Amino acid sequence: MVAVAQLIPDDPQEQASVLAVLREHPELRGFIAKASAKAEELFPGASMHLDTVQYDEWDPPLTLIVNAPAPWPEYQASRDRFIHWLVEQPEFDLDRMLVMPQWTGDLDTAP
């Protein structure tokens, strides 16, 4: 399982921003650990990190970005399972955190 500390960016400014959100919402740490473990299970070889960039005023303060290097068909199936799992989690709150799987696989595997 990925420790939450491993998901915090190295850049000092980004790190401070993520840590501020985690201090304000300490309950997110448990969910982040749970979601990252599920992401590792469904997206073998995925890399993950936390981000606080908000593109719109309604965006949550924290995003867990999951970069999945799987072939496109596998990514689609895993993404669907992951999203279904996410929405069933009682502690998942889109007002506080977004979990965003992103495909980073080989373009040759795409339709």
N, C-alpha and C. Protein backbone atom coordinates (compact mmCIF):
# COMPACT_ATOMS: atom_id res chain seq x y z
N MET A 1 0.84 -1.18 0.00
CA MET A 1 0.00 0.00 0.00
C MET A 1 0.88 1.24 0.00
N VAL A 2 0.47 2.26 -0.75
CA VAL A 2 1.20 3.51 -0.82
C VAL A 2 0.89 4.33 0.43
N ALA A 3 1.92 4.83 1.08
CA ALA A 3 1.71 5.71 2.21
C ALA A 3 1.32 7.09 1.69
N VAL A 4 0.45 7.76 2.42
CA VAL A 4 0.00 9.09 1.99
C VAL A 4 1.19 10.03 1.81
N ALA A 5 2.20 9.91 2.64
CA ALA A 5 3.38 10.78 2.54
C ALA A 5 4.07 10.64 1.18
N GLN A 6 4.01 9.46 0.58
CA GLN A 6 4.63 9.25 -0.73
C GLN A 6 3.87 9.95 -1.85
N LEU A 7 2.64 10.34 -1.62
CA LEU A 7 1.81 10.98 -2.63
C LEU A 7 1.94 12.50 -2.62
N ILE A 8 2.59 13.03 -1.59
CA ILE A 8 2.75 14.47 -1.45
C ILE A 8 3.86 14.94 -2.40
N PRO A 9 3.60 16.01 -3.16
CA PRO A 9 4.60 16.49 -4.13
C PRO A 9 5.92 16.90 -3.48
N ASP A 10 6.99 16.85 -4.25
CA ASP A 10 8.31 17.25 -3.77
C ASP A 10 8.50 18.77 -3.78
N ASP A 11 7.86 19.44 -4.73
CA ASP A 11 7.99 20.90 -4.82
C ASP A 11 7.52 21.53 -3.50
N PRO A 12 8.35 22.36 -2.86
CA PRO A 12 7.99 22.91 -1.54
C PRO A 12 6.67 23.67 -1.51
N GLN A 13 6.38 24.45 -2.53
CA GLN A 13 5.13 25.21 -2.56
C GLN A 13 3.92 24.28 -2.70
N GLU A 14 4.02 23.31 -3.59
CA GLU A 14 2.93 22.34 -3.76
C GLU A 14 2.77 21.49 -2.50
N GLN A 15 3.90 21.12 -1.92
CA GLN A 15 3.89 20.33 -0.69
C GLN A 15 3.16 21.08 0.42
N ALA A 16 3.48 22.34 0.58
CA ALA A 16 2.83 23.16 1.61
C ALA A 16 1.33 23.25 1.38
N SER A 17 0.94 23.38 0.13
CA SER A 17 -0.48 23.47 -0.22
C SER A 17 -1.22 22.17 0.12
N VAL A 18 -0.64 21.04 -0.25
CA VAL A 18 -1.26 19.73 0.05
C VAL A 18 -1.32 19.51 1.56
N LEU A 19 -0.25 19.80 2.25
CA LEU A 19 -0.23 19.60 3.70
C LEU A 19 -1.25 20.49 4.40
N ALA A 20 -1.45 21.70 3.90
CA ALA A 20 -2.46 22.60 4.49
C ALA A 20 -3.86 21.99 4.35
N VAL A 21 -4.16 21.42 3.19
CA VAL A 21 -5.47 20.78 3.00
C VAL A 21 -5.61 19.58 3.91
N LEU A 22 -4.55 18.79 4.03
CA LEU A 22 -4.61 17.61 4.91
C LEU A 22 -4.75 18.00 6.38
N ARG A 23 -4.17 19.12 6.78
CA ARG A 23 -4.35 19.60 8.16
C ARG A 23 -5.80 20.05 8.38
N GLU A 24 -6.36 20.70 7.37
CA GLU A 24 -7.74 21.19 7.47
C GLU A 24 -8.75 20.04 7.43
N HIS A 25 -8.41 18.97 6.71
CA HIS A 25 -9.30 17.81 6.56
C HIS A 25 -8.53 16.52 6.91
N PRO A 26 -8.21 16.31 8.17
CA PRO A 26 -7.41 15.13 8.55
C PRO A 26 -8.09 13.80 8.22
N GLU A 27 -9.41 13.82 8.09
CA GLU A 27 -10.14 12.59 7.76
C GLU A 27 -9.83 12.09 6.35
N LEU A 28 -9.28 12.96 5.51
CA LEU A 28 -8.96 12.55 4.14
C LEU A 28 -7.81 11.55 4.08
N ARG A 29 -6.91 11.58 5.05
CA ARG A 29 -5.74 10.68 5.02
C ARG A 29 -6.16 9.22 4.92
N GLY A 30 -7.13 8.82 5.72
CA GLY A 30 -7.60 7.43 5.69
C GLY A 30 -8.21 7.07 4.35
N PHE A 31 -9.01 7.97 3.80
CA PHE A 31 -9.61 7.70 2.51
C PHE A 31 -8.57 7.67 1.40
N ILE A 32 -7.59 8.55 1.47
CA ILE A 32 -6.51 8.57 0.47
C ILE A 32 -5.75 7.24 0.49
N ALA A 33 -5.45 6.75 1.67
CA ALA A 33 -4.76 5.46 1.79
C ALA A 33 -5.60 4.34 1.19
N LYS A 34 -6.89 4.36 1.49
CA LYS A 34 -7.80 3.33 0.98
C LYS A 34 -7.94 3.42 -0.55
N ALA A 35 -8.12 4.62 -1.07
CA ALA A 35 -8.30 4.81 -2.51
C ALA A 35 -7.01 4.49 -3.28
N SER A 36 -5.87 4.85 -2.72
CA SER A 36 -4.61 4.56 -3.41
C SER A 36 -4.33 3.06 -3.42
N ALA A 37 -4.72 2.36 -2.34
CA ALA A 37 -4.55 0.91 -2.32
C ALA A 37 -5.44 0.25 -3.38
N LYS A 38 -6.66 0.74 -3.51
CA LYS A 38 -7.57 0.19 -4.53
C LYS A 38 -7.03 0.50 -5.93
N ALA A 39 -6.49 1.70 -6.12
CA ALA A 39 -5.91 2.07 -7.41
C ALA A 39 -4.74 1.16 -7.75
N GLU A 40 -3.89 0.86 -6.78
CA GLU A 40 -2.76 -0.05 -7.02
C GLU A 40 -3.25 -1.42 -7.44
N GLU A 41 -4.34 -1.87 -6.82
CA GLU A 41 -4.91 -3.18 -7.14
C GLU A 41 -5.46 -3.21 -8.57
N LEU A 42 -6.17 -2.16 -8.97
CA LEU A 42 -6.83 -2.14 -10.27
C LEU A 42 -5.95 -1.64 -11.41
N PHE A 43 -4.95 -0.83 -11.09
CA PHE A 43 -4.06 -0.27 -12.11
C PHE A 43 -2.61 -0.63 -11.77
N PRO A 44 -2.19 -1.87 -12.00
CA PRO A 44 -0.82 -2.26 -11.67
C PRO A 44 0.19 -1.33 -12.37
N GLY A 45 1.17 -0.89 -11.61
CA GLY A 45 2.20 -0.02 -12.15
C GLY A 45 1.81 1.45 -12.19
N ALA A 46 0.67 1.79 -11.63
CA ALA A 46 0.22 3.18 -11.64
C ALA A 46 1.10 4.04 -10.74
N SER A 47 1.23 5.31 -11.13
CA SER A 47 1.86 6.29 -10.25
C SER A 47 0.76 7.23 -9.79
N MET A 48 0.90 7.75 -8.59
CA MET A 48 -0.14 8.60 -8.00
C MET A 48 0.49 9.79 -7.30
N HIS A 49 -0.26 10.88 -7.26
CA HIS A 49 0.16 12.03 -6.47
C HIS A 49 -1.05 12.89 -6.11
N LEU A 50 -0.85 13.70 -5.09
CA LEU A 50 -1.89 14.62 -4.64
C LEU A 50 -1.64 15.99 -5.24
N ASP A 51 -2.72 16.71 -5.53
CA ASP A 51 -2.63 18.01 -6.17
C ASP A 51 -3.72 18.92 -5.58
N THR A 52 -3.43 20.21 -5.48
CA THR A 52 -4.41 21.15 -4.95
C THR A 52 -4.86 22.18 -5.97
N VAL A 53 -4.50 22.00 -7.23
CA VAL A 53 -4.91 22.96 -8.26
C VAL A 53 -6.43 22.88 -8.43
N GLN A 54 -7.06 24.04 -8.35
CA GLN A 54 -8.51 24.13 -8.56
C GLN A 54 -8.72 24.98 -9.81
N TYR A 55 -9.27 24.39 -10.85
CA TYR A 55 -9.48 25.09 -12.11
C TYR A 55 -10.76 25.92 -12.10
N ASP A 56 -11.72 25.52 -11.31
CA ASP A 56 -12.97 26.25 -11.16
C ASP A 56 -13.27 26.39 -9.68
N GLU A 57 -14.10 27.36 -9.33
CA GLU A 57 -14.38 27.61 -7.91
C GLU A 57 -15.10 26.45 -7.24
N TRP A 58 -15.73 25.58 -8.00
CA TRP A 58 -16.44 24.43 -7.41
C TRP A 58 -15.57 23.19 -7.31
N ASP A 59 -14.34 23.25 -7.80
CA ASP A 59 -13.44 22.10 -7.67
C ASP A 59 -13.09 21.87 -6.20
N PRO A 60 -12.97 20.60 -5.80
CA PRO A 60 -12.60 20.32 -4.41
C PRO A 60 -11.16 20.76 -4.14
N PRO A 61 -10.80 20.91 -2.87
CA PRO A 61 -9.46 21.41 -2.54
C PRO A 61 -8.33 20.42 -2.80
N LEU A 62 -8.64 19.14 -2.99
CA LEU A 62 -7.59 18.14 -3.15
C LEU A 62 -7.98 17.14 -4.23
N THR A 63 -6.99 16.73 -5.02
CA THR A 63 -7.20 15.71 -6.05
C THR A 63 -6.14 14.64 -5.92
N LEU A 64 -6.57 13.39 -5.97
CA LEU A 64 -5.66 12.25 -6.07
C LEU A 64 -5.63 11.88 -7.54
N ILE A 65 -4.48 12.08 -8.18
CA ILE A 65 -4.33 11.76 -9.59
C ILE A 65 -3.66 10.40 -9.71
N VAL A 66 -4.29 9.51 -10.46
CA VAL A 66 -3.79 8.15 -10.68
C VAL A 66 -3.42 8.03 -12.15
N ASN A 67 -2.13 7.91 -12.44
CA ASN A 67 -1.65 7.73 -13.82
C ASN A 67 -1.51 6.24 -14.09
N ALA A 68 -2.37 5.74 -14.97
CA ALA A 68 -2.44 4.30 -15.22
C ALA A 68 -1.83 3.96 -16.58
N PRO A 69 -0.73 3.18 -16.60
CA PRO A 69 -0.04 2.86 -17.84
C PRO A 69 -0.57 1.63 -18.58
N ALA A 70 -1.76 1.20 -18.27
CA ALA A 70 -2.32 -0.02 -18.87
C ALA A 70 -2.70 0.18 -20.33
N PRO A 71 -2.79 -0.90 -21.09
CA PRO A 71 -3.37 -0.80 -22.44
C PRO A 71 -4.81 -0.28 -22.34
N TRP A 72 -5.25 0.42 -23.36
CA TRP A 72 -6.55 1.10 -23.34
C TRP A 72 -7.72 0.21 -22.90
N PRO A 73 -7.91 -0.99 -23.47
CA PRO A 73 -9.07 -1.81 -23.05
C PRO A 73 -9.01 -2.17 -21.56
N GLU A 74 -7.82 -2.49 -21.07
CA GLU A 74 -7.67 -2.82 -19.65
C GLU A 74 -7.94 -1.59 -18.78
N TYR A 75 -7.43 -0.44 -19.23
CA TYR A 75 -7.65 0.80 -18.48
C TYR A 75 -9.14 1.09 -18.36
N GLN A 76 -9.86 0.99 -19.48
CA GLN A 76 -11.30 1.28 -19.46
C GLN A 76 -12.04 0.40 -18.46
N ALA A 77 -11.75 -0.88 -18.49
CA ALA A 77 -12.42 -1.81 -17.57
C ALA A 77 -12.05 -1.51 -16.12
N SER A 78 -10.78 -1.26 -15.88
CA SER A 78 -10.33 -0.96 -14.51
C SER A 78 -10.88 0.38 -14.04
N ARG A 79 -10.92 1.36 -14.93
CA ARG A 79 -11.46 2.68 -14.57
C ARG A 79 -12.92 2.54 -14.16
N ASP A 80 -13.69 1.78 -14.91
CA ASP A 80 -15.10 1.59 -14.58
C ASP A 80 -15.26 0.92 -13.21
N ARG A 81 -14.46 -0.13 -12.96
CA ARG A 81 -14.52 -0.79 -11.64
C ARG A 81 -14.11 0.17 -10.53
N PHE A 82 -13.09 0.98 -10.79
CA PHE A 82 -12.60 1.93 -9.79
C PHE A 82 -13.65 2.99 -9.47
N ILE A 83 -14.28 3.55 -10.49
CA ILE A 83 -15.31 4.57 -10.28
C ILE A 83 -16.50 3.97 -9.51
N HIS A 84 -16.92 2.77 -9.89
CA HIS A 84 -18.02 2.13 -9.15
C HIS A 84 -17.64 1.90 -7.69
N TRP A 85 -16.40 1.48 -7.46
CA TRP A 85 -15.94 1.29 -6.09
C TRP A 85 -15.95 2.63 -5.34
N LEU A 86 -15.43 3.69 -5.97
CA LEU A 86 -15.35 5.01 -5.33
C LEU A 86 -16.70 5.50 -4.85
N VAL A 87 -17.69 5.47 -5.73
CA VAL A 87 -18.99 6.05 -5.37
C VAL A 87 -19.71 5.24 -4.29
N GLU A 88 -19.27 4.03 -4.06
CA GLU A 88 -19.86 3.21 -2.99
C GLU A 88 -19.21 3.46 -1.63
N GLN A 89 -18.15 4.25 -1.60
CA GLN A 89 -17.44 4.50 -0.34
C GLN A 89 -18.14 5.63 0.42
N PRO A 90 -18.60 5.37 1.64
CA PRO A 90 -19.34 6.40 2.37
C PRO A 90 -18.49 7.63 2.70
N GLU A 91 -17.18 7.48 2.79
CA GLU A 91 -16.33 8.63 3.13
C GLU A 91 -15.88 9.43 1.91
N PHE A 92 -16.27 9.01 0.72
CA PHE A 92 -15.92 9.73 -0.49
C PHE A 92 -16.82 10.95 -0.61
N ASP A 93 -16.22 12.14 -0.60
CA ASP A 93 -16.95 13.39 -0.63
C ASP A 93 -16.36 14.29 -1.70
N LEU A 94 -17.07 14.45 -2.80
CA LEU A 94 -16.59 15.26 -3.92
C LEU A 94 -16.43 16.74 -3.58
N ASP A 95 -16.98 17.18 -2.48
CA ASP A 95 -16.78 18.56 -2.06
C ASP A 95 -15.39 18.76 -1.45
N ARG A 96 -14.78 17.66 -1.01
CA ARG A 96 -13.45 17.74 -0.39
C ARG A 96 -12.34 17.15 -1.24
N MET A 97 -12.68 16.16 -2.08
CA MET A 97 -11.61 15.48 -2.81
C MET A 97 -12.13 14.85 -4.10
N LEU A 98 -11.32 14.97 -5.14
CA LEU A 98 -11.58 14.33 -6.42
C LEU A 98 -10.53 13.24 -6.60
N VAL A 99 -10.94 12.11 -7.11
CA VAL A 99 -10.01 11.05 -7.47
C VAL A 99 -10.09 10.90 -8.98
N MET A 100 -8.96 11.12 -9.65
CA MET A 100 -8.98 11.19 -11.10
C MET A 100 -8.00 10.19 -11.74
N PRO A 101 -8.54 9.06 -12.22
CA PRO A 101 -7.68 8.16 -12.99
C PRO A 101 -7.41 8.76 -14.38
N GLN A 102 -6.15 8.69 -14.80
CA GLN A 102 -5.76 9.18 -16.11
C GLN A 102 -5.02 8.08 -16.85
N TRP A 103 -5.37 7.90 -18.09
CA TRP A 103 -4.71 6.88 -18.90
C TRP A 103 -3.36 7.41 -19.38
N THR A 104 -2.31 6.66 -19.15
CA THR A 104 -0.97 7.02 -19.62
C THR A 104 -0.35 5.87 -20.41
N GLY A 105 -1.21 5.02 -20.93
CA GLY A 105 -0.75 3.84 -21.68
C GLY A 105 -0.30 4.16 -23.09
N ASP A 106 0.09 3.14 -23.79
CA ASP A 106 0.59 3.23 -25.15
C ASP A 106 -0.55 3.58 -26.12
N LEU A 107 -0.35 4.62 -26.91
CA LEU A 107 -1.38 5.05 -27.87
C LEU A 107 -1.73 3.96 -28.88
N ASP A 108 -0.81 3.06 -29.13
CA ASP A 108 -1.08 1.96 -30.08
C ASP A 108 -2.18 1.02 -29.58
N THR A 109 -2.50 1.08 -28.29
CA THR A 109 -3.54 0.20 -27.75
C THR A 109 -4.91 0.83 -27.80
N ALA A 110 -4.99 2.11 -28.20
CA ALA A 110 -6.26 2.82 -28.26
C ALA A 110 -6.99 2.51 -29.57
N PRO A 111 -8.31 2.58 -29.56
CA PRO A 111 -9.07 2.30 -30.80
C PRO A 111 -8.85 3.37 -31.85
